[in-house]
Amino acid sequence: MALLSAPEESPAASGLVAGGAAYLLGVAVIVGTALAGVAPATGVWERSDGIGYLLVHHAAHLPVWQFTVQWPVVPYTVVLATVLVVAGFVVTQHVRDRVGTGFRTGSSIAVGYVPVTLIVSVALVLGHGAITPIRMMAPTLLVGIVIPGLLGGIGGVLSDRYDRRTAGVSQS
């Protein structure tokens, strides 16, 4: 992808672009679904307007709250997980001189995901009186670092396996 081109082709530089793009794509899916009238009108979706879209996006990463699965956001959880795995795959495919494993390279998308997550978390704290900084700490760490790092890493591993398979086919 030309968008990911960087002179040094480092995982961090590519991860910064891919992670930020993955975050924005996830928000676009949430907003687009709500504007198209396809989103359910229950649960966290009742608050989906303006900054509320960002709350829904955060919530879609973590569909289990207080030991209860929030079924209205589960389809978006699947979409966001897919976007993160694909972003990790793309970064790993893009970085020719890989540093470390495919998992490490793919998980570099967290470099681009975490700054946007931090900005959104601050906006949510400032925009909603019921959300406190303490209550946002764990979700911010999970949504900004753990989830994109893990799912991007899975994409990196899949990229490595794809490369091995295609290398085996071309040698035959």
N, C-alpha and C. Protein backbone atom coordinates (compact mmCIF):
# COMPACT_ATOMS: atom_id res chain seq x y z
N MET A 1 0.84 -1.20 0.00
CA MET A 1 0.00 0.00 0.00
C MET A 1 0.88 1.24 0.00
N ALA A 2 0.59 2.15 -0.85
CA ALA A 2 1.36 3.40 -0.93
C ALA A 2 1.20 4.22 0.33
N LEU A 3 0.03 4.12 0.98
CA LEU A 3 -0.23 4.88 2.19
C LEU A 3 0.75 4.49 3.30
N LEU A 4 1.16 3.24 3.34
CA LEU A 4 2.06 2.77 4.38
C LEU A 4 3.53 2.98 4.06
N SER A 5 3.84 3.48 2.87
CA SER A 5 5.23 3.63 2.47
C SER A 5 5.97 4.60 3.39
N ALA A 6 7.08 4.14 3.90
CA ALA A 6 7.96 4.96 4.72
C ALA A 6 9.37 4.62 4.27
N PRO A 7 10.27 5.61 4.27
CA PRO A 7 11.62 5.34 3.79
C PRO A 7 12.28 4.17 4.51
N GLU A 8 12.11 4.08 5.79
CA GLU A 8 12.78 3.02 6.54
C GLU A 8 11.94 1.76 6.67
N GLU A 9 10.66 1.82 6.28
CA GLU A 9 9.75 0.69 6.37
C GLU A 9 9.83 0.00 7.73
N SER A 10 9.82 0.76 8.79
CA SER A 10 9.88 0.17 10.13
C SER A 10 8.50 -0.27 10.58
N PRO A 11 8.44 -1.30 11.42
CA PRO A 11 7.14 -1.72 11.94
C PRO A 11 6.43 -0.60 12.70
N ALA A 12 7.18 0.22 13.43
CA ALA A 12 6.55 1.29 14.20
C ALA A 12 5.90 2.33 13.30
N ALA A 13 6.60 2.73 12.24
CA ALA A 13 6.05 3.73 11.31
C ALA A 13 4.82 3.17 10.60
N SER A 14 4.92 1.94 10.12
CA SER A 14 3.79 1.32 9.44
C SER A 14 2.65 1.05 10.42
N GLY A 15 2.99 0.63 11.62
CA GLY A 15 1.98 0.39 12.65
C GLY A 15 1.25 1.65 13.05
N LEU A 16 1.97 2.77 13.08
CA LEU A 16 1.35 4.06 13.40
C LEU A 16 0.26 4.39 12.39
N VAL A 17 0.57 4.25 11.12
CA VAL A 17 -0.40 4.57 10.07
C VAL A 17 -1.55 3.55 10.07
N ALA A 18 -1.22 2.26 10.10
CA ALA A 18 -2.25 1.22 10.03
C ALA A 18 -3.14 1.22 11.27
N GLY A 19 -2.56 1.44 12.45
CA GLY A 19 -3.35 1.47 13.67
C GLY A 19 -4.30 2.65 13.71
N GLY A 20 -3.81 3.82 13.32
CA GLY A 20 -4.69 4.99 13.28
C GLY A 20 -5.81 4.81 12.26
N ALA A 21 -5.45 4.26 11.09
CA ALA A 21 -6.46 4.01 10.06
C ALA A 21 -7.49 2.98 10.52
N ALA A 22 -7.05 1.94 11.23
CA ALA A 22 -7.97 0.92 11.74
C ALA A 22 -8.95 1.53 12.74
N TYR A 23 -8.44 2.42 13.60
CA TYR A 23 -9.32 3.07 14.58
C TYR A 23 -10.38 3.90 13.86
N LEU A 24 -9.95 4.71 12.91
CA LEU A 24 -10.88 5.58 12.18
C LEU A 24 -11.88 4.76 11.37
N LEU A 25 -11.44 3.65 10.79
CA LEU A 25 -12.36 2.78 10.05
C LEU A 25 -13.41 2.20 10.99
N GLY A 26 -12.99 1.80 12.19
CA GLY A 26 -13.94 1.28 13.19
C GLY A 26 -14.99 2.31 13.57
N VAL A 27 -14.56 3.54 13.79
CA VAL A 27 -15.51 4.61 14.12
C VAL A 27 -16.44 4.85 12.94
N ALA A 28 -15.90 4.83 11.72
CA ALA A 28 -16.72 5.04 10.53
C ALA A 28 -17.81 3.97 10.39
N VAL A 29 -17.48 2.72 10.72
CA VAL A 29 -18.47 1.64 10.67
C VAL A 29 -19.59 1.91 11.68
N ILE A 30 -19.21 2.32 12.89
CA ILE A 30 -20.21 2.60 13.94
C ILE A 30 -21.11 3.76 13.50
N VAL A 31 -20.53 4.86 13.08
CA VAL A 31 -21.30 6.04 12.67
C VAL A 31 -22.15 5.72 11.45
N GLY A 32 -21.56 5.07 10.46
CA GLY A 32 -22.31 4.73 9.25
C GLY A 32 -23.50 3.84 9.53
N THR A 33 -23.32 2.87 10.39
CA THR A 33 -24.41 1.98 10.76
C THR A 33 -25.53 2.74 11.46
N ALA A 34 -25.14 3.61 12.37
CA ALA A 34 -26.15 4.38 13.10
C ALA A 34 -26.89 5.34 12.17
N LEU A 35 -26.16 6.02 11.30
CA LEU A 35 -26.79 6.97 10.37
C LEU A 35 -27.68 6.27 9.34
N ALA A 36 -27.31 5.04 8.99
CA ALA A 36 -28.12 4.27 8.04
C ALA A 36 -29.37 3.70 8.70
N GLY A 37 -29.46 3.81 10.03
CA GLY A 37 -30.62 3.30 10.75
C GLY A 37 -30.62 1.81 10.98
N VAL A 38 -29.46 1.19 10.86
CA VAL A 38 -29.35 -0.26 11.02
C VAL A 38 -28.98 -0.64 12.45
N ALA A 39 -28.46 0.30 13.22
CA ALA A 39 -28.01 0.01 14.58
C ALA A 39 -29.20 -0.25 15.49
N PRO A 40 -29.05 -1.18 16.44
CA PRO A 40 -30.15 -1.43 17.38
C PRO A 40 -30.37 -0.21 18.28
N ALA A 41 -31.58 -0.01 18.72
CA ALA A 41 -31.91 1.14 19.57
C ALA A 41 -31.95 0.73 21.04
N THR A 42 -31.04 -0.16 21.44
CA THR A 42 -31.01 -0.61 22.83
C THR A 42 -29.61 -0.49 23.37
N GLY A 43 -29.49 -0.59 24.67
CA GLY A 43 -28.19 -0.59 25.34
C GLY A 43 -27.40 0.67 25.08
N VAL A 44 -26.12 0.51 24.84
CA VAL A 44 -25.22 1.64 24.64
C VAL A 44 -25.58 2.43 23.38
N TRP A 45 -26.27 1.79 22.43
CA TRP A 45 -26.66 2.47 21.19
C TRP A 45 -27.63 3.62 21.44
N GLU A 46 -28.34 3.59 22.58
CA GLU A 46 -29.27 4.67 22.89
C GLU A 46 -28.53 6.00 23.03
N ARG A 47 -27.23 5.95 23.30
CA ARG A 47 -26.42 7.16 23.49
C ARG A 47 -25.62 7.52 22.24
N SER A 48 -25.93 6.91 21.12
CA SER A 48 -25.09 7.12 19.94
C SER A 48 -25.50 8.38 19.18
N ASP A 49 -24.91 9.47 19.57
CA ASP A 49 -25.04 10.74 18.85
C ASP A 49 -23.82 11.57 19.23
N GLY A 50 -23.20 12.21 18.27
CA GLY A 50 -22.02 13.02 18.57
C GLY A 50 -20.94 12.20 19.24
N ILE A 51 -20.55 12.62 20.44
CA ILE A 51 -19.49 11.94 21.18
C ILE A 51 -19.92 10.54 21.61
N GLY A 52 -21.22 10.30 21.62
CA GLY A 52 -21.73 8.98 21.97
C GLY A 52 -21.27 7.90 21.02
N TYR A 53 -21.00 8.25 19.75
CA TYR A 53 -20.48 7.27 18.80
C TYR A 53 -19.13 6.72 19.30
N LEU A 54 -18.35 7.60 19.89
CA LEU A 54 -17.05 7.17 20.40
C LEU A 54 -17.22 6.22 21.58
N LEU A 55 -18.26 6.45 22.39
CA LEU A 55 -18.55 5.55 23.50
C LEU A 55 -18.96 4.18 22.97
N VAL A 56 -19.78 4.16 21.93
CA VAL A 56 -20.19 2.89 21.32
C VAL A 56 -18.96 2.18 20.75
N HIS A 57 -18.06 2.93 20.11
CA HIS A 57 -16.85 2.32 19.55
C HIS A 57 -16.01 1.69 20.65
N HIS A 58 -15.82 2.39 21.76
CA HIS A 58 -15.09 1.83 22.90
C HIS A 58 -15.79 0.57 23.39
N ALA A 59 -17.10 0.65 23.54
CA ALA A 59 -17.88 -0.47 24.07
C ALA A 59 -17.83 -1.69 23.16
N ALA A 60 -17.76 -1.46 21.87
CA ALA A 60 -17.75 -2.58 20.93
C ALA A 60 -16.49 -3.43 21.05
N HIS A 61 -15.41 -2.86 21.58
CA HIS A 61 -14.20 -3.64 21.82
C HIS A 61 -14.39 -4.59 23.01
N LEU A 62 -15.23 -4.19 23.95
CA LEU A 62 -15.41 -4.92 25.20
C LEU A 62 -16.88 -5.26 25.39
N PRO A 63 -17.40 -6.30 24.70
CA PRO A 63 -18.84 -6.56 24.73
C PRO A 63 -19.36 -7.23 25.99
N VAL A 64 -18.50 -7.48 26.98
CA VAL A 64 -18.94 -8.09 28.22
C VAL A 64 -18.74 -7.08 29.35
N TRP A 65 -19.85 -6.64 29.95
CA TRP A 65 -19.79 -5.70 31.06
C TRP A 65 -20.52 -6.32 32.23
N GLN A 66 -19.93 -6.25 33.37
CA GLN A 66 -20.52 -6.78 34.59
C GLN A 66 -20.99 -8.22 34.37
N PHE A 67 -20.16 -9.02 33.73
CA PHE A 67 -20.38 -10.44 33.48
C PHE A 67 -21.61 -10.72 32.62
N THR A 68 -22.03 -9.75 31.82
CA THR A 68 -23.17 -9.93 30.92
C THR A 68 -22.73 -9.56 29.51
N VAL A 69 -23.03 -10.44 28.56
CA VAL A 69 -22.69 -10.15 27.16
C VAL A 69 -23.69 -9.12 26.64
N GLN A 70 -23.18 -8.06 26.05
CA GLN A 70 -24.00 -7.01 25.46
C GLN A 70 -24.22 -7.34 23.99
N TRP A 71 -25.24 -8.13 23.70
CA TRP A 71 -25.46 -8.67 22.36
C TRP A 71 -25.60 -7.61 21.27
N PRO A 72 -26.17 -6.43 21.55
CA PRO A 72 -26.28 -5.45 20.45
C PRO A 72 -24.93 -4.99 19.88
N VAL A 73 -23.84 -5.10 20.65
CA VAL A 73 -22.55 -4.65 20.13
C VAL A 73 -21.66 -5.79 19.62
N VAL A 74 -22.07 -7.03 19.83
CA VAL A 74 -21.24 -8.17 19.42
C VAL A 74 -20.92 -8.17 17.91
N PRO A 75 -21.89 -7.88 17.02
CA PRO A 75 -21.51 -7.84 15.60
C PRO A 75 -20.42 -6.81 15.30
N TYR A 76 -20.43 -5.70 16.01
CA TYR A 76 -19.41 -4.68 15.81
C TYR A 76 -18.09 -5.11 16.41
N THR A 77 -18.14 -5.91 17.46
CA THR A 77 -16.92 -6.47 18.03
C THR A 77 -16.23 -7.35 16.99
N VAL A 78 -17.02 -8.14 16.29
CA VAL A 78 -16.47 -9.02 15.25
C VAL A 78 -15.87 -8.18 14.12
N VAL A 79 -16.56 -7.11 13.71
CA VAL A 79 -16.04 -6.25 12.65
C VAL A 79 -14.74 -5.59 13.10
N LEU A 80 -14.71 -5.04 14.31
CA LEU A 80 -13.50 -4.39 14.81
C LEU A 80 -12.35 -5.37 14.93
N ALA A 81 -12.63 -6.58 15.41
CA ALA A 81 -11.58 -7.60 15.53
C ALA A 81 -11.02 -7.93 14.15
N THR A 82 -11.89 -8.05 13.17
CA THR A 82 -11.45 -8.35 11.80
C THR A 82 -10.58 -7.23 11.25
N VAL A 83 -10.99 -5.99 11.48
CA VAL A 83 -10.21 -4.84 11.02
C VAL A 83 -8.82 -4.85 11.65
N LEU A 84 -8.72 -5.17 12.93
CA LEU A 84 -7.42 -5.19 13.62
C LEU A 84 -6.54 -6.33 13.13
N VAL A 85 -7.12 -7.50 12.89
CA VAL A 85 -6.33 -8.62 12.37
C VAL A 85 -5.82 -8.28 10.96
N VAL A 86 -6.67 -7.71 10.13
CA VAL A 86 -6.26 -7.33 8.77
C VAL A 86 -5.17 -6.26 8.83
N ALA A 87 -5.30 -5.29 9.73
CA ALA A 87 -4.27 -4.25 9.87
C ALA A 87 -2.92 -4.87 10.25
N GLY A 88 -2.92 -5.83 11.18
CA GLY A 88 -1.68 -6.51 11.55
C GLY A 88 -1.10 -7.30 10.39
N PHE A 89 -1.96 -7.93 9.61
CA PHE A 89 -1.54 -8.67 8.42
C PHE A 89 -0.88 -7.73 7.41
N VAL A 90 -1.54 -6.60 7.15
CA VAL A 90 -1.04 -5.64 6.17
C VAL A 90 0.32 -5.08 6.59
N VAL A 91 0.46 -4.71 7.86
CA VAL A 91 1.74 -4.17 8.34
C VAL A 91 2.84 -5.22 8.18
N THR A 92 2.54 -6.46 8.54
CA THR A 92 3.55 -7.51 8.44
C THR A 92 3.92 -7.78 6.99
N GLN A 93 2.95 -7.72 6.08
CA GLN A 93 3.25 -7.89 4.67
C GLN A 93 4.07 -6.73 4.14
N HIS A 94 3.80 -5.55 4.65
CA HIS A 94 4.46 -4.34 4.14
C HIS A 94 5.92 -4.24 4.57
N VAL A 95 6.21 -4.62 5.78
CA VAL A 95 7.58 -4.47 6.31
C VAL A 95 8.41 -5.64 5.81
N ARG A 96 9.26 -5.37 4.84
CA ARG A 96 10.04 -6.42 4.20
C ARG A 96 11.11 -6.99 5.14
N ASP A 97 11.86 -6.13 5.77
CA ASP A 97 12.92 -6.56 6.68
C ASP A 97 12.32 -6.61 8.08
N ARG A 98 11.69 -7.70 8.39
CA ARG A 98 10.95 -7.81 9.65
C ARG A 98 11.88 -7.89 10.84
N VAL A 99 11.53 -7.15 11.86
CA VAL A 99 12.27 -7.18 13.11
C VAL A 99 11.51 -8.12 14.04
N GLY A 100 12.09 -9.27 14.33
CA GLY A 100 11.42 -10.21 15.22
C GLY A 100 10.39 -11.04 14.47
N THR A 101 9.38 -11.46 15.21
CA THR A 101 8.38 -12.37 14.67
C THR A 101 7.25 -11.62 13.99
N GLY A 102 6.42 -12.36 13.27
CA GLY A 102 5.23 -11.78 12.67
C GLY A 102 4.30 -11.21 13.74
N PHE A 103 4.26 -11.90 14.90
CA PHE A 103 3.40 -11.40 15.98
C PHE A 103 3.86 -10.01 16.41
N ARG A 104 5.15 -9.85 16.62
CA ARG A 104 5.67 -8.56 17.07
C ARG A 104 5.43 -7.47 16.02
N THR A 105 5.65 -7.81 14.76
CA THR A 105 5.45 -6.84 13.68
C THR A 105 3.98 -6.45 13.57
N GLY A 106 3.09 -7.43 13.58
CA GLY A 106 1.66 -7.15 13.48
C GLY A 106 1.12 -6.36 14.66
N SER A 107 1.64 -6.65 15.85
CA SER A 107 1.16 -5.96 17.04
C SER A 107 1.58 -4.49 17.08
N SER A 108 2.46 -4.10 16.16
CA SER A 108 2.89 -2.69 16.12
C SER A 108 1.74 -1.74 15.76
N ILE A 109 0.59 -2.26 15.35
CA ILE A 109 -0.54 -1.38 15.07
C ILE A 109 -1.01 -0.67 16.33
N ALA A 110 -0.67 -1.22 17.49
CA ALA A 110 -1.03 -0.54 18.75
C ALA A 110 -0.37 0.83 18.84
N VAL A 111 0.77 1.01 18.16
CA VAL A 111 1.45 2.31 18.15
C VAL A 111 0.55 3.39 17.57
N GLY A 112 -0.27 3.04 16.59
CA GLY A 112 -1.19 4.01 15.99
C GLY A 112 -2.54 4.04 16.68
N TYR A 113 -2.90 2.94 17.34
CA TYR A 113 -4.22 2.84 17.98
C TYR A 113 -4.26 3.56 19.32
N VAL A 114 -3.17 3.48 20.07
CA VAL A 114 -3.19 4.02 21.44
C VAL A 114 -3.33 5.54 21.49
N PRO A 115 -2.67 6.33 20.64
CA PRO A 115 -2.85 7.79 20.78
C PRO A 115 -4.30 8.23 20.54
N VAL A 116 -4.94 7.62 19.54
CA VAL A 116 -6.33 7.98 19.26
C VAL A 116 -7.22 7.53 20.42
N THR A 117 -6.94 6.35 20.97
CA THR A 117 -7.72 5.86 22.11
C THR A 117 -7.57 6.79 23.30
N LEU A 118 -6.37 7.27 23.56
CA LEU A 118 -6.17 8.20 24.68
C LEU A 118 -6.94 9.50 24.48
N ILE A 119 -6.90 10.04 23.27
CA ILE A 119 -7.63 11.27 22.98
C ILE A 119 -9.14 11.05 23.16
N VAL A 120 -9.64 9.94 22.66
CA VAL A 120 -11.07 9.64 22.79
C VAL A 120 -11.44 9.42 24.25
N SER A 121 -10.60 8.74 25.00
CA SER A 121 -10.88 8.50 26.42
C SER A 121 -10.98 9.82 27.19
N VAL A 122 -10.08 10.74 26.90
CA VAL A 122 -10.14 12.06 27.55
C VAL A 122 -11.43 12.78 27.14
N ALA A 123 -11.79 12.71 25.86
CA ALA A 123 -13.03 13.35 25.40
C ALA A 123 -14.25 12.74 26.07
N LEU A 124 -14.25 11.43 26.26
CA LEU A 124 -15.37 10.77 26.93
C LEU A 124 -15.47 11.19 28.39
N VAL A 125 -14.34 11.29 29.06
CA VAL A 125 -14.34 11.73 30.46
C VAL A 125 -14.85 13.16 30.57
N LEU A 126 -14.40 14.02 29.67
CA LEU A 126 -14.82 15.42 29.70
C LEU A 126 -16.26 15.61 29.23
N GLY A 127 -16.73 14.73 28.33
CA GLY A 127 -18.05 14.89 27.74
C GLY A 127 -19.19 14.19 28.47
N HIS A 128 -18.88 13.26 29.34
CA HIS A 128 -19.91 12.52 30.07
C HIS A 128 -19.60 12.57 31.56
N GLY A 129 -20.51 13.15 32.32
CA GLY A 129 -20.31 13.29 33.76
C GLY A 129 -20.20 11.97 34.50
N ALA A 130 -20.85 10.92 33.99
CA ALA A 130 -20.84 9.63 34.67
C ALA A 130 -19.54 8.86 34.45
N ILE A 131 -18.74 9.28 33.50
CA ILE A 131 -17.48 8.57 33.21
C ILE A 131 -16.35 9.32 33.90
N THR A 132 -15.68 8.63 34.80
CA THR A 132 -14.56 9.23 35.53
C THR A 132 -13.24 8.70 34.99
N PRO A 133 -12.15 9.44 35.23
CA PRO A 133 -10.84 8.96 34.77
C PRO A 133 -10.49 7.58 35.32
N ILE A 134 -10.84 7.30 36.55
CA ILE A 134 -10.54 6.00 37.15
C ILE A 134 -11.30 4.89 36.42
N ARG A 135 -12.56 5.13 36.09
CA ARG A 135 -13.37 4.13 35.39
C ARG A 135 -12.88 3.91 33.96
N MET A 136 -12.17 4.86 33.39
CA MET A 136 -11.70 4.75 32.01
C MET A 136 -10.31 4.14 31.90
N MET A 137 -9.60 3.98 33.01
CA MET A 137 -8.21 3.49 32.93
C MET A 137 -8.12 2.10 32.31
N ALA A 138 -8.84 1.14 32.88
CA ALA A 138 -8.76 -0.24 32.37
C ALA A 138 -9.27 -0.34 30.93
N PRO A 139 -10.46 0.24 30.62
CA PRO A 139 -10.89 0.16 29.22
C PRO A 139 -9.93 0.82 28.25
N THR A 140 -9.30 1.92 28.65
CA THR A 140 -8.35 2.60 27.77
C THR A 140 -7.14 1.72 27.50
N LEU A 141 -6.62 1.06 28.52
CA LEU A 141 -5.49 0.16 28.33
C LEU A 141 -5.87 -1.03 27.45
N LEU A 142 -7.05 -1.59 27.70
CA LEU A 142 -7.49 -2.73 26.90
C LEU A 142 -7.74 -2.34 25.45
N VAL A 143 -8.50 -1.26 25.24
CA VAL A 143 -8.87 -0.84 23.89
C VAL A 143 -7.67 -0.26 23.14
N GLY A 144 -6.79 0.44 23.84
CA GLY A 144 -5.69 1.13 23.17
C GLY A 144 -4.46 0.28 22.94
N ILE A 145 -4.18 -0.67 23.85
CA ILE A 145 -2.92 -1.42 23.74
C ILE A 145 -3.15 -2.93 23.62
N VAL A 146 -3.87 -3.50 24.58
CA VAL A 146 -3.97 -4.96 24.65
C VAL A 146 -4.71 -5.55 23.45
N ILE A 147 -5.90 -5.06 23.16
CA ILE A 147 -6.71 -5.64 22.08
C ILE A 147 -6.05 -5.43 20.72
N PRO A 148 -5.64 -4.20 20.34
CA PRO A 148 -4.99 -4.07 19.03
C PRO A 148 -3.65 -4.80 18.97
N GLY A 149 -2.92 -4.83 20.07
CA GLY A 149 -1.65 -5.55 20.07
C GLY A 149 -1.85 -7.04 19.85
N LEU A 150 -2.82 -7.61 20.54
CA LEU A 150 -3.09 -9.04 20.41
C LEU A 150 -3.65 -9.39 19.04
N LEU A 151 -4.68 -8.66 18.61
CA LEU A 151 -5.30 -8.99 17.32
C LEU A 151 -4.39 -8.63 16.14
N GLY A 152 -3.64 -7.53 16.24
CA GLY A 152 -2.66 -7.21 15.20
C GLY A 152 -1.57 -8.27 15.14
N GLY A 153 -1.17 -8.76 16.31
CA GLY A 153 -0.19 -9.84 16.37
C GLY A 153 -0.69 -11.11 15.70
N ILE A 154 -1.97 -11.42 15.89
CA ILE A 154 -2.56 -12.58 15.22
C ILE A 154 -2.51 -12.36 13.70
N GLY A 155 -2.81 -11.15 13.26
CA GLY A 155 -2.68 -10.84 11.83
C GLY A 155 -1.27 -11.03 11.33
N GLY A 156 -0.28 -10.66 12.16
CA GLY A 156 1.13 -10.86 11.80
C GLY A 156 1.50 -12.32 11.67
N VAL A 157 0.99 -13.14 12.58
CA VAL A 157 1.24 -14.58 12.51
C VAL A 157 0.60 -15.17 11.25
N LEU A 158 -0.62 -14.74 10.95
CA LEU A 158 -1.29 -15.21 9.73
C LEU A 158 -0.51 -14.78 8.49
N SER A 159 0.08 -13.60 8.52
CA SER A 159 0.90 -13.12 7.41
C SER A 159 2.12 -14.02 7.23
N ASP A 160 2.78 -14.37 8.33
CA ASP A 160 3.93 -15.27 8.25
C ASP A 160 3.54 -16.62 7.66
N ARG A 161 2.41 -17.15 8.10
CA ARG A 161 1.95 -18.44 7.58
C ARG A 161 1.62 -18.34 6.09
N TYR A 162 1.00 -17.25 5.71
CA TYR A 162 0.69 -17.01 4.29
C TYR A 162 1.98 -16.97 3.48
N ASP A 163 2.99 -16.26 3.97
CA ASP A 163 4.27 -16.17 3.27
C ASP A 163 4.92 -17.54 3.12
N ARG A 164 4.86 -18.35 4.16
CA ARG A 164 5.45 -19.68 4.10
C ARG A 164 4.73 -20.55 3.08
N ARG A 165 3.41 -20.45 3.07
CA ARG A 165 2.62 -21.25 2.12
C ARG A 165 2.89 -20.84 0.69
N THR A 166 2.91 -19.53 0.44
CA THR A 166 3.15 -19.08 -0.93
C THR A 166 4.58 -19.35 -1.37
N ALA A 167 5.53 -19.31 -0.45
CA ALA A 167 6.92 -19.63 -0.79
C ALA A 167 7.04 -21.10 -1.14
N GLY A 168 6.31 -21.97 -0.42
CA GLY A 168 6.31 -23.39 -0.72
C GLY A 168 5.68 -23.71 -2.04
N VAL A 169 4.64 -22.97 -2.41
CA VAL A 169 3.95 -23.19 -3.68
C VAL A 169 4.82 -22.73 -4.84
N SER A 170 5.52 -21.59 -4.68
CA SER A 170 6.32 -21.07 -5.78
C SER A 170 7.58 -21.90 -6.02
N GLN A 171 8.03 -22.62 -5.00
CA GLN A 171 9.22 -23.47 -5.17
C GLN A 171 8.89 -24.79 -5.85
N SER A 172 7.63 -25.17 -5.80
CA SER A 172 7.22 -26.45 -6.39
C SER A 172 7.21 -26.43 -7.88
